[in-house]
PDB file of N, CA and C in Angstrom:
ATOM      1  N   MET A   1      54.970 138.680  67.940  1.00  0.00           N
ATOM      2  CA  MET A   1      54.140 138.482  69.089  1.00  0.00           C
ATOM      3  C   MET A   1      54.746 137.469  70.045  1.00  0.00           C
ATOM      4  N   TYR A   2      56.031 137.421  70.096  1.00  0.00           N
ATOM      5  CA  TYR A   2      56.713 136.579  71.067  1.00  0.00           C
ATOM      6  C   TYR A   2      57.055 137.463  72.244  1.00  0.00           C
ATOM      7  N   PHE A   3      56.598 137.111  73.439  1.00  0.00           N
ATOM      8  CA  PHE A   3      56.714 137.987  74.588  1.00  0.00           C
ATOM      9  C   PHE A   3      57.810 137.583  75.559  1.00  0.00           C
ATOM     10  N   GLY A   4      58.599 136.588  75.223  1.00  0.00           N
ATOM     11  CA  GLY A   4      59.707 136.199  76.088  1.00  0.00           C
ATOM     12  C   GLY A   4      59.254 135.411  77.294  1.00  0.00           C
ATOM     13  N   THR A   5      59.957 135.615  78.418  1.00  0.00           N
ATOM     14  CA  THR A   5      59.667 134.816  79.604  1.00  0.00           C
ATOM     15  C   THR A   5      59.401 135.655  80.851  1.00  0.00           C
ATOM     16  N   GLY A   6      59.340 136.954  80.762  1.00  0.00           N
ATOM     17  CA  GLY A   6      59.172 137.807  81.939  1.00  0.00           C
ATOM     18  C   GLY A   6      57.732 137.946  82.380  1.00  0.00           C
ATOM     19  N   LEU A   7      57.515 138.931  83.227  1.00  0.00           N
ATOM     20  CA  LEU A   7      56.190 139.203  83.759  1.00  0.00           C
ATOM     21  C   LEU A   7      55.213 139.593  82.653  1.00  0.00           C
ATOM     22  N   THR A   8      55.704 140.305  81.650  1.00  0.00           N
ATOM     23  CA  THR A   8      54.847 140.689  80.526  1.00  0.00           C
ATOM     24  C   THR A   8      54.284 139.456  79.835  1.00  0.00           C
ATOM     25  N   ALA A   9      55.136 138.455  79.646  1.00  0.00           N
ATOM     26  CA  ALA A   9      54.685 137.224  78.999  1.00  0.00           C
ATOM     27  C   ALA A   9      53.621 136.527  79.827  1.00  0.00           C
ATOM     28  N   VAL A  10      53.805 136.487  81.129  1.00  0.00           N
ATOM     29  CA  VAL A  10      52.826 135.833  81.997  1.00  0.00           C
ATOM     30  C   VAL A  10      51.482 136.550  81.916  1.00  0.00           C
ATOM     31  N   VAL A  11      51.499 137.860  81.936  1.00  0.00           N
ATOM     32  CA  VAL A  11      50.260 138.632  81.876  1.00  0.00           C
ATOM     33  C   VAL A  11      49.573 138.450  80.524  1.00  0.00           C
ATOM     34  N   VAL A  12      50.333 138.575  79.440  1.00  0.00           N
ATOM     35  CA  VAL A  12      49.736 138.474  78.101  1.00  0.00           C
ATOM     36  C   VAL A  12      49.203 137.071  77.853  1.00  0.00           C
ATOM     37  N   TYR A  13      49.996 136.060  78.145  1.00  0.00           N
ATOM     38  CA  TYR A  13      49.541 134.696  77.938  1.00  0.00           C
ATOM     39  C   TYR A  13      48.372 134.362  78.861  1.00  0.00           C
ATOM     40  N   GLY A  14      48.353 134.920  80.058  1.00  0.00           N
ATOM     41  CA  GLY A  14      47.224 134.724  80.967  1.00  0.00           C
ATOM     42  C   GLY A  14      45.947 135.325  80.415  1.00  0.00           C
ATOM     43  N   ILE A  15      46.038 136.521  79.864  1.00  0.00           N
ATOM     44  CA  ILE A  15      44.866 137.166  79.269  1.00  0.00           C
ATOM     45  C   ILE A  15      44.374 136.358  78.079  1.00  0.00           C
ATOM     46  N   LEU A  16      45.294 135.902  77.241  1.00  0.00           N
ATOM     47  CA  LEU A  16      44.896 135.093  76.084  1.00  0.00           C
ATOM     48  C   LEU A  16      44.240 133.789  76.526  1.00  0.00           C
ATOM     49  N   PHE A  17      44.754 133.172  77.578  1.00  0.00           N
ATOM     50  CA  PHE A  17      44.172 131.934  78.083  1.00  0.00           C
ATOM     51  C   PHE A  17      42.775 132.175  78.660  1.00  0.00           C
ATOM     52  N   LEU A  18      42.622 133.226  79.440  1.00  0.00           N
ATOM     53  CA  LEU A  18      41.311 133.541  80.011  1.00  0.00           C
ATOM     54  C   LEU A  18      40.293 133.869  78.921  1.00  0.00           C
ATOM     55  N   TRP A  19      40.741 134.548  77.873  1.00  0.00           N
ATOM     56  CA  TRP A  19      39.827 134.878  76.773  1.00  0.00           C
ATOM     57  C   TRP A  19      39.398 133.604  76.046  1.00  0.00           C
ATOM     58  N   ALA A  20      40.312 132.638  75.913  1.00  0.00           N
ATOM     59  CA  ALA A  20      39.948 131.354  75.302  1.00  0.00           C
ATOM     60  C   ALA A  20      38.905 130.640  76.152  1.00  0.00           C
ATOM     61  N   LEU A  21      39.059 130.679  77.463  1.00  0.00           N
ATOM     62  CA  LEU A  21      38.059 130.074  78.341  1.00  0.00           C
ATOM     63  C   LEU A  21      36.702 130.758  78.186  1.00  0.00           C
ATOM     64  N   TYR A  22      36.718 132.082  78.090  1.00  0.00           N
ATOM     65  CA  TYR A  22      35.476 132.833  77.922  1.00  0.00           C
ATOM     66  C   TYR A  22      34.781 132.448  76.617  1.00  0.00           C
ATOM     67  N   LEU A  23      35.531 132.398  75.522  1.00  0.00           N
ATOM     68  CA  LEU A  23      34.934 132.054  74.236  1.00  0.00           C
ATOM     69  C   LEU A  23      34.381 130.631  74.254  1.00  0.00           C
ATOM     70  N   GLY A  24      35.145 129.705  74.807  1.00  0.00           N
ATOM     71  CA  GLY A  24      34.672 128.331  74.886  1.00  0.00           C
ATOM     72  C   GLY A  24      33.428 128.195  75.735  1.00  0.00           C
ATOM     73  N   TRP A  25      33.400 128.912  76.857  1.00  0.00           N
ATOM     74  CA  TRP A  25      32.239 128.887  77.729  1.00  0.00           C
ATOM     75  C   TRP A  25      31.004 129.420  77.014  1.00  0.00           C
ATOM     76  N   ARG A  26      31.151 130.529  76.278  1.00  0.00           N
ATOM     77  CA  ARG A  26      30.003 131.115  75.576  1.00  0.00           C
ATOM     78  C   ARG A  26      29.504 130.191  74.472  1.00  0.00           C
ATOM     79  N   TRP A  27      30.432 129.553  73.735  1.00  0.00           N
ATOM     80  CA  TRP A  27      30.009 128.624  72.692  1.00  0.00           C
ATOM     81  C   TRP A  27      29.273 127.442  73.292  1.00  0.00           C
ATOM     82  N   MET A  28      29.770 126.903  74.415  1.00  0.00           N
ATOM     83  CA  MET A  28      29.112 125.760  75.057  1.00  0.00           C
ATOM     84  C   MET A  28      27.725 126.145  75.564  1.00  0.00           C
ATOM     85  N   LYS A  29      27.619 127.320  76.165  1.00  0.00           N
ATOM     86  CA  LYS A  29      26.324 127.763  76.673  1.00  0.00           C
ATOM     87  C   LYS A  29      25.334 127.960  75.527  1.00  0.00           C
ATOM     88  N   TRP A  30      25.797 128.530  74.438  1.00  0.00           N
ATOM     89  CA  TRP A  30      24.919 128.738  73.287  1.00  0.00           C
ATOM     90  C   TRP A  30      24.534 127.403  72.662  1.00  0.00           C
ATOM     91  N   TRP A  31      25.462 126.475  72.585  1.00  0.00           N
ATOM     92  CA  TRP A  31      25.203 125.187  71.947  1.00  0.00           C
ATOM     93  C   TRP A  31      24.167 124.374  72.732  1.00  0.00           C
ATOM     94  N   ARG A  32      24.165 124.501  74.062  1.00  0.00           N
ATOM     95  CA  ARG A  32      23.234 123.750  74.899  1.00  0.00           C
ATOM     96  C   ARG A  32      21.842 124.368  74.947  1.00  0.00           C
ATOM     97  N   ARG A  33      21.724 125.541  74.420  1.00  0.00           N
ATOM     98  CA  ARG A  33      20.440 126.223  74.434  1.00  0.00           C
ATOM     99  C   ARG A  33      19.469 125.498  73.503  1.00  0.00           C
ATOM    100  N   ALA A  34      18.203 125.379  73.926  1.00  0.00           N
ATOM    101  CA  ALA A  34      17.226 124.601  73.155  1.00  0.00           C
ATOM    102  C   ALA A  34      16.933 125.229  71.787  1.00  0.00           C
ATOM    103  N   PRO A  35      16.312 126.404  71.708  1.00  0.00           N
ATOM    104  CA  PRO A  35      16.204 127.007  70.369  1.00  0.00           C
ATOM    105  C   PRO A  35      17.416 127.914  70.135  1.00  0.00           C
ATOM    106  N   ARG A  36      18.374 127.441  69.351  1.00  0.00           N
ATOM    107  CA  ARG A  36      19.589 128.233  69.118  1.00  0.00           C
ATOM    108  C   ARG A  36      19.307 129.482  68.294  1.00  0.00           C
ATOM    109  N   PHE A  37      18.331 129.383  67.424  1.00  0.00           N
ATOM    110  CA  PHE A  37      18.002 130.509  66.547  1.00  0.00           C
ATOM    111  C   PHE A  37      16.532 130.889  66.717  1.00  0.00           C
ATOM    112  N   PRO A  38      16.203 131.597  67.829  1.00  0.00           N
ATOM    113  CA  PRO A  38      14.806 132.039  67.974  1.00  0.00           C
ATOM    114  C   PRO A  38      14.485 133.136  66.963  1.00  0.00           C
ATOM    115  N   ALA A  39      13.210 133.470  66.879  1.00  0.00           N
ATOM    116  CA  ALA A  39      12.764 134.468  65.908  1.00  0.00           C
ATOM    117  C   ALA A  39      13.339 135.837  66.247  1.00  0.00           C
ATOM    118  N   PRO A  40      13.683 136.623  65.325  1.00  0.00           N
ATOM    119  CA  PRO A  40      13.856 136.355  63.892  1.00  0.00           C
ATOM    120  C   PRO A  40      15.140 135.553  63.643  1.00  0.00           C
ATOM    121  N   ARG A  41      14.985 134.456  62.938  1.00  0.00           N
ATOM    122  CA  ARG A  41      16.068 133.496  62.762  1.00  0.00           C
ATOM    123  C   ARG A  41      17.269 134.088  62.044  1.00  0.00           C
ATOM    124  N   TRP A  42      17.048 134.920  61.046  1.00  0.00           N
ATOM    125  CA  TRP A  42      18.187 135.431  60.281  1.00  0.00           C
ATOM    126  C   TRP A  42      19.040 136.365  61.126  1.00  0.00           C
ATOM    127  N   ARG A  43      18.414 137.114  62.027  1.00  0.00           N
ATOM    128  CA  ARG A  43      19.192 138.047  62.855  1.00  0.00           C
ATOM    129  C   ARG A  43      19.974 137.323  63.942  1.00  0.00           C
ATOM    130  N   THR A  44      19.419 136.275  64.514  1.00  0.00           N
ATOM    131  CA  THR A  44      20.186 135.497  65.486  1.00  0.00           C
ATOM    132  C   THR A  44      21.282 134.706  64.789  1.00  0.00           C
ATOM    133  N   GLY A  45      21.036 134.306  63.543  1.00  0.00           N
ATOM    134  CA  GLY A  45      22.082 133.652  62.753  1.00  0.00           C
ATOM    135  C   GLY A  45      23.229 134.600  62.442  1.00  0.00           C
ATOM    136  N   VAL A  46      22.894 135.832  62.153  1.00  0.00           N
ATOM    137  CA  VAL A  46      23.931 136.837  61.891  1.00  0.00           C
ATOM    138  C   VAL A  46      24.762 137.085  63.147  1.00  0.00           C
ATOM    139  N   ALA A  47      24.127 137.113  64.308  1.00  0.00           N
ATOM    140  CA  ALA A  47      24.870 137.279  65.561  1.00  0.00           C
ATOM    141  C   ALA A  47      25.810 136.100  65.795  1.00  0.00           C
ATOM    142  N   ALA A  48      25.357 134.895  65.464  1.00  0.00           N
ATOM    143  CA  ALA A  48      26.215 133.714  65.609  1.00  0.00           C
ATOM    144  C   ALA A  48      27.397 133.778  64.642  1.00  0.00           C
ATOM    145  N   ILE A  49      27.159 134.245  63.431  1.00  0.00           N
ATOM    146  CA  ILE A  49      28.252 134.393  62.463  1.00  0.00           C
ATOM    147  C   ILE A  49      29.227 135.472  62.926  1.00  0.00           C
ATOM    148  N   ALA A  50      28.716 136.545  63.519  1.00  0.00           N
ATOM    149  CA  ALA A  50      29.592 137.593  64.045  1.00  0.00           C
ATOM    150  C   ALA A  50      30.463 137.056  65.176  1.00  0.00           C
ATOM    151  N   PHE A  51      29.877 136.238  66.049  1.00  0.00           N
ATOM    152  CA  PHE A  51      30.654 135.638  67.134  1.00  0.00           C
ATOM    153  C   PHE A  51      31.675 134.644  66.576  1.00  0.00           C
ATOM    154  N   LEU A  52      31.302 133.952  65.529  1.00  0.00           N
ATOM    155  CA  LEU A  52      32.229 133.039  64.863  1.00  0.00           C
ATOM    156  C   LEU A  52      33.399 133.807  64.254  1.00  0.00           C
ATOM    157  N   ALA A  53      33.134 134.972  63.678  1.00  0.00           N
ATOM    158  CA  ALA A  53      34.209 135.796  63.124  1.00  0.00           C
ATOM    159  C   ALA A  53      35.163 136.255  64.222  1.00  0.00           C
ATOM    160  N   GLY A  54      34.632 136.644  65.373  1.00  0.00           N
ATOM    161  CA  GLY A  54      35.484 137.028  66.494  1.00  0.00           C
ATOM    162  C   GLY A  54      36.308 135.868  67.010  1.00  0.00           C
ATOM    163  N   THR A  55      35.705 134.683  67.050  1.00  0.00           N
ATOM    164  CA  THR A  55      36.429 133.491  67.488  1.00  0.00           C
ATOM    165  C   THR A  55      37.518 133.123  66.488  1.00  0.00           C
ATOM    166  N   ALA A  56      37.221 133.225  65.201  1.00  0.00           N
ATOM    167  CA  ALA A  56      38.221 132.923  64.175  1.00  0.00           C
ATOM    168  C   ALA A  56      39.384 133.914  64.232  1.00  0.00           C
ATOM    169  N   SER A  57      39.085 135.174  64.456  1.00  0.00           N
ATOM    170  CA  SER A  57      40.138 136.175  64.581  1.00  0.00           C
ATOM    171  C   SER A  57      41.012 135.892  65.794  1.00  0.00           C
ATOM    172  N   TYR A  58      40.377 135.496  66.893  1.00  0.00           N
ATOM    173  CA  TYR A  58      41.135 135.139  68.094  1.00  0.00           C
ATOM    174  C   TYR A  58      42.006 133.909  67.835  1.00  0.00           C
ATOM    175  N   THR A  59      41.469 132.938  67.127  1.00  0.00           N
ATOM    176  CA  THR A  59      42.231 131.737  66.797  1.00  0.00           C
ATOM    177  C   THR A  59      43.452 132.090  65.956  1.00  0.00           C
ATOM    178  N   LEU A  60      43.304 133.039  65.048  1.00  0.00           N
ATOM    179  CA  LEU A  60      44.460 133.507  64.279  1.00  0.00           C
ATOM    180  C   LEU A  60      45.513 134.145  65.189  1.00  0.00           C
ATOM    181  N   SER A  61      45.082 134.909  66.167  1.00  0.00           N
ATOM    182  CA  SER A  61      46.051 135.540  67.064  1.00  0.00           C
ATOM    183  C   SER A  61      46.788 134.502  67.910  1.00  0.00           C
ATOM    184  N   VAL A  62      46.074 133.481  68.359  1.00  0.00           N
ATOM    185  CA  VAL A  62      46.730 132.403  69.111  1.00  0.00           C
ATOM    186  C   VAL A  62      47.696 131.647  68.196  1.00  0.00           C
ATOM    187  N   GLY A  63      47.289 131.410  66.965  1.00  0.00           N
ATOM    188  CA  GLY A  63      48.182 130.764  66.003  1.00  0.00           C
ATOM    189  C   GLY A  63      49.435 131.578  65.752  1.00  0.00           C
ATOM    190  N   LEU A  64      49.301 132.887  65.706  1.00  0.00           N
ATOM    191  CA  LEU A  64      50.467 133.749  65.517  1.00  0.00           C
ATOM    192  C   LEU A  64      51.382 133.698  66.735  1.00  0.00           C
ATOM    193  N   VAL A  65      50.810 133.665  67.921  1.00  0.00           N
ATOM    194  CA  VAL A  65      51.621 133.567  69.142  1.00  0.00           C
ATOM    195  C   VAL A  65      52.372 132.239  69.157  1.00  0.00           C
ATOM    196  N   VAL A  66      51.694 131.163  68.819  1.00  0.00           N
ATOM    197  CA  VAL A  66      52.346 129.850  68.799  1.00  0.00           C
ATOM    198  C   VAL A  66      53.447 129.821  67.741  1.00  0.00           C
ATOM    199  N   TYR A  67      53.154 130.333  66.556  1.00  0.00           N
ATOM    200  CA  TYR A  67      54.155 130.348  65.487  1.00  0.00           C
ATOM    201  C   TYR A  67      55.382 131.176  65.869  1.00  0.00           C
ATOM    202  N   SER A  68      55.150 132.351  66.416  1.00  0.00           N
ATOM    203  CA  SER A  68      56.284 133.205  66.768  1.00  0.00           C
ATOM    204  C   SER A  68      57.067 132.633  67.945  1.00  0.00           C
ATOM    205  N   SER A  69      56.387 131.942  68.859  1.00  0.00           N
ATOM    206  CA  SER A  69      57.094 131.308  69.975  1.00  0.00           C
ATOM    207  C   SER A  69      57.956 130.155  69.482  1.00  0.00           C
ATOM    208  N   MET A  70      57.453 129.394  68.544  1.00  0.00           N
ATOM    209  CA  MET A  70      58.205 128.254  68.016  1.00  0.00           C
ATOM    210  C   MET A  70      59.377 128.686  67.142  1.00  0.00           C
ATOM    211  N   SER A  71      59.213 129.799  66.454  1.00  0.00           N
ATOM    212  CA  SER A  71      60.271 130.243  65.548  1.00  0.00           C
ATOM    213  C   SER A  71      61.247 131.214  66.203  1.00  0.00           C
ATOM    214  N   GLY A  72      61.036 131.552  67.470  1.00  0.00           N
ATOM    215  CA  GLY A  72      61.955 132.443  68.166  1.00  0.00           C
ATOM    216  C   GLY A  72      61.646 133.921  67.983  1.00  0.00           C
ATOM    217  N   GLY A  73      60.487 134.232  67.482  1.00  0.00           N
ATOM    218  CA  GLY A  73      60.089 135.629  67.296  1.00  0.00           C
ATOM    219  C   GLY A  73      60.038 135.994  65.828  1.00  0.00           C
ATOM    220  N   LEU A  74      59.365 137.096  65.546  1.00  0.00           N
ATOM    221  CA  LEU A  74      59.228 137.578  64.173  1.00  0.00           C
ATOM    222  C   LEU A  74      59.840 138.961  64.081  1.00  0.00           C
ATOM    223  N   ARG A  75      60.573 139.195  63.018  1.00  0.00           N
ATOM    224  CA  ARG A  75      61.153 140.525  62.822  1.00  0.00           C
ATOM    225  C   ARG A  75      60.051 141.497  62.380  1.00  0.00           C
ATOM    226  N   PHE A  76      60.386 142.761  62.386  1.00  0.00           N
ATOM    227  CA  PHE A  76      59.412 143.783  61.999  1.00  0.00           C
ATOM    228  C   PHE A  76      58.959 143.566  60.567  1.00  0.00           C
ATOM    229  N   TYR A  77      57.665 143.713  60.362  1.00  0.00           N
ATOM    230  CA  TYR A  77      57.026 143.570  59.053  1.00  0.00           C
ATOM    231  C   TYR A  77      57.305 142.217  58.415  1.00  0.00           C
ATOM    232  N   HIS A  78      57.381 141.187  59.236  1.00  0.00           N
ATOM    233  CA  HIS A  78      57.526 139.821  58.721  1.00  0.00           C
ATOM    234  C   HIS A  78      56.271 139.476  57.927  1.00  0.00           C
ATOM    235  N   PRO A  79      56.399 138.821  56.775  1.00  0.00           N
ATOM    236  CA  PRO A  79      55.217 138.535  55.954  1.00  0.00           C
ATOM    237  C   PRO A  79      54.143 137.714  56.680  1.00  0.00           C
ATOM    238  N   VAL A  80      54.553 136.789  57.528  1.00  0.00           N
ATOM    239  CA  VAL A  80      53.574 136.006  58.282  1.00  0.00           C
ATOM    240  C   VAL A  80      52.815 136.909  59.251  1.00  0.00           C
ATOM    241  N   LEU A  81      53.516 137.777  59.930  1.00  0.00           N
ATOM    242  CA  LEU A  81      52.893 138.702  60.874  1.00  0.00           C
ATOM    243  C   LEU A  81      51.916 139.630  60.165  1.00  0.00           C
ATOM    244  N   VAL A  82      52.336 140.169  59.044  1.00  0.00           N
ATOM    245  CA  VAL A  82      51.472 141.085  58.298  1.00  0.00           C
ATOM    246  C   VAL A  82      50.230 140.359  57.778  1.00  0.00           C
ATOM    247  N   GLY A  83      50.414 139.130  57.290  1.00  0.00           N
ATOM    248  CA  GLY A  83      49.271 138.365  56.790  1.00  0.00           C
ATOM    249  C   GLY A  83      48.280 138.018  57.884  1.00  0.00           C
ATOM    250  N   PHE A  84      48.788 137.565  59.027  1.00  0.00           N
ATOM    251  CA  PHE A  84      47.903 137.252  60.144  1.00  0.00           C
ATOM    252  C   PHE A  84      47.162 138.510  60.609  1.00  0.00           C
ATOM    253  N   ALA A  85      47.885 139.615  60.714  1.00  0.00           N
ATOM    254  CA  ALA A  85      47.248 140.863  61.167  1.00  0.00           C
ATOM    255  C   ALA A  85      46.196 141.330  60.168  1.00  0.00           C
ATOM    256  N   ARG A  86      46.474 141.174  58.895  1.00  0.00           N
ATOM    257  CA  ARG A  86      45.516 141.591  57.871  1.00  0.00           C
ATOM    258  C   ARG A  86      44.225 140.779  57.980  1.00  0.00           C
ATOM    259  N   TRP A  87      44.353 139.450  58.005  1.00  0.00           N
ATOM    260  CA  TRP A  87      43.164 138.605  58.048  1.00  0.00           C
ATOM    261  C   TRP A  87      42.449 138.691  59.393  1.00  0.00           C
ATOM    262  N   GLY A  88      43.204 138.786  60.469  1.00  0.00           N
ATOM    263  CA  GLY A  88      42.584 138.890  61.785  1.00  0.00           C
ATOM    264  C   GLY A  88      41.797 140.173  61.951  1.00  0.00           C
ATOM    265  N   SER A  89      42.366 141.292  61.517  1.00  0.00           N
ATOM    266  CA  SER A  89      41.640 142.562  61.638  1.00  0.00           C
ATOM    267  C   SER A  89      40.449 142.602  60.684  1.00  0.00           C
ATOM    268  N   LEU A  90      40.590 142.007  59.504  1.00  0.00           N
ATOM    269  CA  LEU A  90      39.460 141.954  58.578  1.00  0.00           C
ATOM    270  C   LEU A  90      38.307 141.141  59.158  1.00  0.00           C
ATOM    271  N   LEU A  91      38.621 140.002  59.762  1.00  0.00           N
ATOM    272  CA  LEU A  91      37.578 139.206  60.412  1.00  0.00           C
ATOM    273  C   LEU A  91      36.914 139.981  61.545  1.00  0.00           C
ATOM    274  N   SER A  92      37.699 140.721  62.317  1.00  0.00           N
ATOM    275  CA  SER A  92      37.131 141.503  63.415  1.00  0.00           C
ATOM    276  C   SER A  92      36.224 142.609  62.910  1.00  0.00           C
ATOM    277  N   ILE A  93      36.618 143.274  61.851  1.00  0.00           N
ATOM    278  CA  ILE A  93      35.792 144.353  61.294  1.00  0.00           C
ATOM    279  C   ILE A  93      34.501 143.791  60.704  1.00  0.00           C
ATOM    280  N   ILE A  94      34.604 142.667  59.997  1.00  0.00           N
ATOM    281  CA  ILE A  94      33.401 142.027  59.464  1.00  0.00           C
ATOM    282  C   ILE A  94      32.483 141.614  60.612  1.00  0.00           C
ATOM    283  N   GLY A  95      33.068 141.057  61.662  1.00  0.00           N
ATOM    284  CA  GLY A  95      32.270 140.663  62.822  1.00  0.00           C
ATOM    285  C   GLY A  95      31.584 141.851  63.489  1.00  0.00           C
ATOM    286  N   LEU A  96      32.286 142.980  63.575  1.00  0.00           N
ATOM    287  CA  LEU A  96      31.657 144.178  64.155  1.00  0.00           C
ATOM    288  C   LEU A  96      30.494 144.665  63.306  1.00  0.00           C
ATOM    289  N   CYS A  97      30.658 144.642  62.001  1.00  0.00           N
ATOM    290  CA  CYS A  97      29.567 145.061  61.117  1.00  0.00           C
ATOM    291  C   CYS A  97      28.368 144.120  61.240  1.00  0.00           C
ATOM    292  N   LEU A  98      28.641 142.814  61.312  1.00  0.00           N
ATOM    293  CA  LEU A  98      27.545 141.856  61.460  1.00  0.00           C
ATOM    294  C   LEU A  98      26.869 141.968  62.819  1.00  0.00           C
ATOM    295  N   THR A  99      27.626 142.381  63.830  1.00  0.00           N
ATOM    296  CA  THR A  99      27.043 142.551  65.161  1.00  0.00           C
ATOM    297  C   THR A  99      25.955 143.622  65.146  1.00  0.00           C
ATOM    298  N   LEU A 100      26.117 144.635  64.311  1.00  0.00           N
ATOM    299  CA  LEU A 100      25.100 145.686  64.222  1.00  0.00           C
ATOM    300  C   LEU A 100      23.766 145.150  63.711  1.00  0.00           C
ATOM    301  N   LEU A 101      23.832 144.122  62.848  1.00  0.00           N
ATOM    302  CA  LEU A 101      22.608 143.529  62.314  1.00  0.00           C
ATOM    303  C   LEU A 101      22.053 142.425  63.192  1.00  0.00           C
ATOM    304  N   GLY A 102      22.902 141.813  63.997  1.00  0.00           N
ATOM    305  CA  GLY A 102      22.507 140.643  64.764  1.00  0.00           C
ATOM    306  C   GLY A 102      21.597 140.957  65.929  1.00  0.00           C
ATOM    307  N   LYS A 103      21.013 139.882  66.443  1.00  0.00           N
ATOM    308  CA  LYS A 103      20.119 139.996  67.586  1.00  0.00           C
ATOM    309  C   LYS A 103      20.205 138.677  68.345  1.00  0.00           C
ATOM    310  N   GLY A 104      19.999 138.752  69.638  1.00  0.00           N
ATOM    311  CA  GLY A 104      19.959 137.518  70.404  1.00  0.00           C
ATOM    312  C   GLY A 104      21.036 137.445  71.470  1.00  0.00           C
ATOM    313  N   GLU A 105      21.169 136.241  72.016  1.00  0.00           N
ATOM    314  CA  GLU A 105      22.067 136.014  73.144  1.00  0.00           C
ATOM    315  C   GLU A 105      23.532 136.273  72.807  1.00  0.00           C
ATOM    316  N   LEU A 106      23.939 135.950  71.592  1.00  0.00           N
ATOM    317  CA  LEU A 106      25.355 136.064  71.228  1.00  0.00           C
ATOM    318  C   LEU A 106      25.762 137.466  70.772  1.00  0.00           C
ATOM    319  N   ARG A 107      24.814 138.365  70.621  1.00  0.00           N
ATOM    320  CA  ARG A 107      25.148 139.676  70.060  1.00  0.00           C
ATOM    321  C   ARG A 107      26.167 140.436  70.906  1.00  0.00           C
ATOM    322  N   ILE A 108      25.932 140.549  72.206  1.00  0.00           N
ATOM    323  CA  ILE A 108      26.839 141.307  73.068  1.00  0.00           C
ATOM    324  C   ILE A 108      28.187 140.605  73.170  1.00  0.00           C
ATOM    325  N   HIS A 109      28.173 139.290  73.140  1.00  0.00           N
ATOM    326  CA  HIS A 109      29.421 138.540  73.209  1.00  0.00           C
ATOM    327  C   HIS A 109      30.189 138.635  71.888  1.00  0.00           C
ATOM    328  N   ALA A 110      29.464 138.715  70.782  1.00  0.00           N
ATOM    329  CA  ALA A 110      30.117 138.942  69.492  1.00  0.00           C
ATOM    330  C   ALA A 110      30.776 140.313  69.461  1.00  0.00           C
ATOM    331  N   LEU A 111      30.091 141.302  70.014  1.00  0.00           N
ATOM    332  CA  LEU A 111      30.664 142.640  70.095  1.00  0.00           C
ATOM    333  C   LEU A 111      31.940 142.632  70.930  1.00  0.00           C
ATOM    334  N   ALA A 112      31.886 141.975  72.094  1.00  0.00           N
ATOM    335  CA  ALA A 112      33.069 141.909  72.963  1.00  0.00           C
ATOM    336  C   ALA A 112      34.215 141.166  72.289  1.00  0.00           C
ATOM    337  N   ALA A 113      33.909 140.044  71.651  1.00  0.00           N
ATOM    338  CA  ALA A 113      34.961 139.244  70.999  1.00  0.00           C
ATOM    339  C   ALA A 113      35.618 140.022  69.864  1.00  0.00           C
ATOM    340  N   ASN A 114      34.815 140.691  69.066  1.00  0.00           N
ATOM    341  CA  ASN A 114      35.377 141.418  67.930  1.00  0.00           C
ATOM    342  C   ASN A 114      36.113 142.681  68.358  1.00  0.00           C
ATOM    343  N   LEU A 115      35.626 143.365  69.385  1.00  0.00           N
ATOM    344  CA  LEU A 115      36.365 144.526  69.889  1.00  0.00           C
ATOM    345  C   LEU A 115      37.689 144.109  70.524  1.00  0.00           C
ATOM    346  N   PHE A 116      37.688 142.999  71.259  1.00  0.00           N
ATOM    347  CA  PHE A 116      38.921 142.494  71.869  1.00  0.00           C
ATOM    348  C   PHE A 116      39.949 142.147  70.799  1.00  0.00           C
ATOM    349  N   THR A 117      39.520 141.386  69.793  1.00  0.00           N
ATOM    350  CA  THR A 117      40.487 140.972  68.773  1.00  0.00           C
ATOM    351  C   THR A 117      40.925 142.135  67.895  1.00  0.00           C
ATOM    352  N   LEU A 118      40.018 143.066  67.610  1.00  0.00           N
ATOM    353  CA  LEU A 118      40.435 144.227  66.818  1.00  0.00           C
ATOM    354  C   LEU A 118      41.439 145.066  67.600  1.00  0.00           C
ATOM    355  N   THR A 119      41.214 145.231  68.895  1.00  0.00           N
ATOM    356  CA  THR A 119      42.186 145.936  69.741  1.00  0.00           C
ATOM    357  C   THR A 119      43.522 145.214  69.741  1.00  0.00           C
ATOM    358  N   LEU A 120      43.476 143.904  69.815  1.00  0.00           N
ATOM    359  CA  LEU A 120      44.698 143.108  69.778  1.00  0.00           C
ATOM    360  C   LEU A 120      45.457 143.313  68.471  1.00  0.00           C
ATOM    361  N   TRP A 121      44.745 143.293  67.348  1.00  0.00           N
ATOM    362  CA  TRP A 121      45.413 143.471  66.054  1.00  0.00           C
ATOM    363  C   TRP A 121      45.930 144.893  65.870  1.00  0.00           C
ATOM    364  N   VAL A 122      45.205 145.885  66.390  1.00  0.00           N
ATOM    365  CA  VAL A 122      45.701 147.267  66.326  1.00  0.00           C
ATOM    366  C   VAL A 122      46.979 147.414  67.148  1.00  0.00           C
ATOM    367  N   LEU A 123      47.024 146.764  68.323  1.00  0.00           N
ATOM    368  CA  LEU A 123      48.239 146.793  69.125  1.00  0.00           C
ATOM    369  C   LEU A 123      49.399 146.109  68.414  1.00  0.00           C
ATOM    370  N   VAL A 124      49.130 144.993  67.769  1.00  0.00           N
ATOM    371  CA  VAL A 124      50.175 144.298  67.005  1.00  0.00           C
ATOM    372  C   VAL A 124      50.713 145.195  65.913  1.00  0.00           C
ATOM    373  N   ALA A 125      49.814 145.849  65.194  1.00  0.00           N
ATOM    374  CA  ALA A 125      50.257 146.751  64.124  1.00  0.00           C
ATOM    375  C   ALA A 125      50.963 147.975  64.681  1.00  0.00           C
ATOM    376  N   GLY A 126      50.495 148.481  65.800  1.00  0.00           N
ATOM    377  CA  GLY A 126      51.095 149.669  66.396  1.00  0.00           C
ATOM    378  C   GLY A 126      52.481 149.409  66.971  1.00  0.00           C
ATOM    379  N   LEU A 127      52.724 148.180  67.401  1.00  0.00           N
ATOM    380  CA  LEU A 127      54.048 147.852  67.947  1.00  0.00           C
ATOM    381  C   LEU A 127      55.078 147.589  66.863  1.00  0.00           C
ATOM    382  N   GLN A 128      54.647 147.636  65.619  1.00  0.00           N
ATOM    383  CA  GLN A 128      55.597 147.466  64.529  1.00  0.00           C
ATOM    384  C   GLN A 128      56.322 148.768  64.370  1.00  0.00           C
TER     385      GLN A 128
END
């Protein structure tokens, strides 16, 4: 997931940066909300866990980008790349399943976060 220095790198890193801003903004907005878990509490909690899974998957993808940039890139089927892709896609799939049960303000954002990261991991696997 090292994109070099061309226009592709600027676009990809820009998208990743904007997505980080979006996730941070949503977490801050949710955190400032007075009742974070309105009724039914378990379903809004599940939506928060689903959004957390999407955020964790995104954090793994950023970690992979940083690691591959620092190491000069990863060869095909590198064990670190495969491990990150495995855990990141698993977190995204778990988050999507939890989104179906969740309810509340974070539900749609959990869906977006998990679909974005799952698409990202599918692209990573497909480019191998």
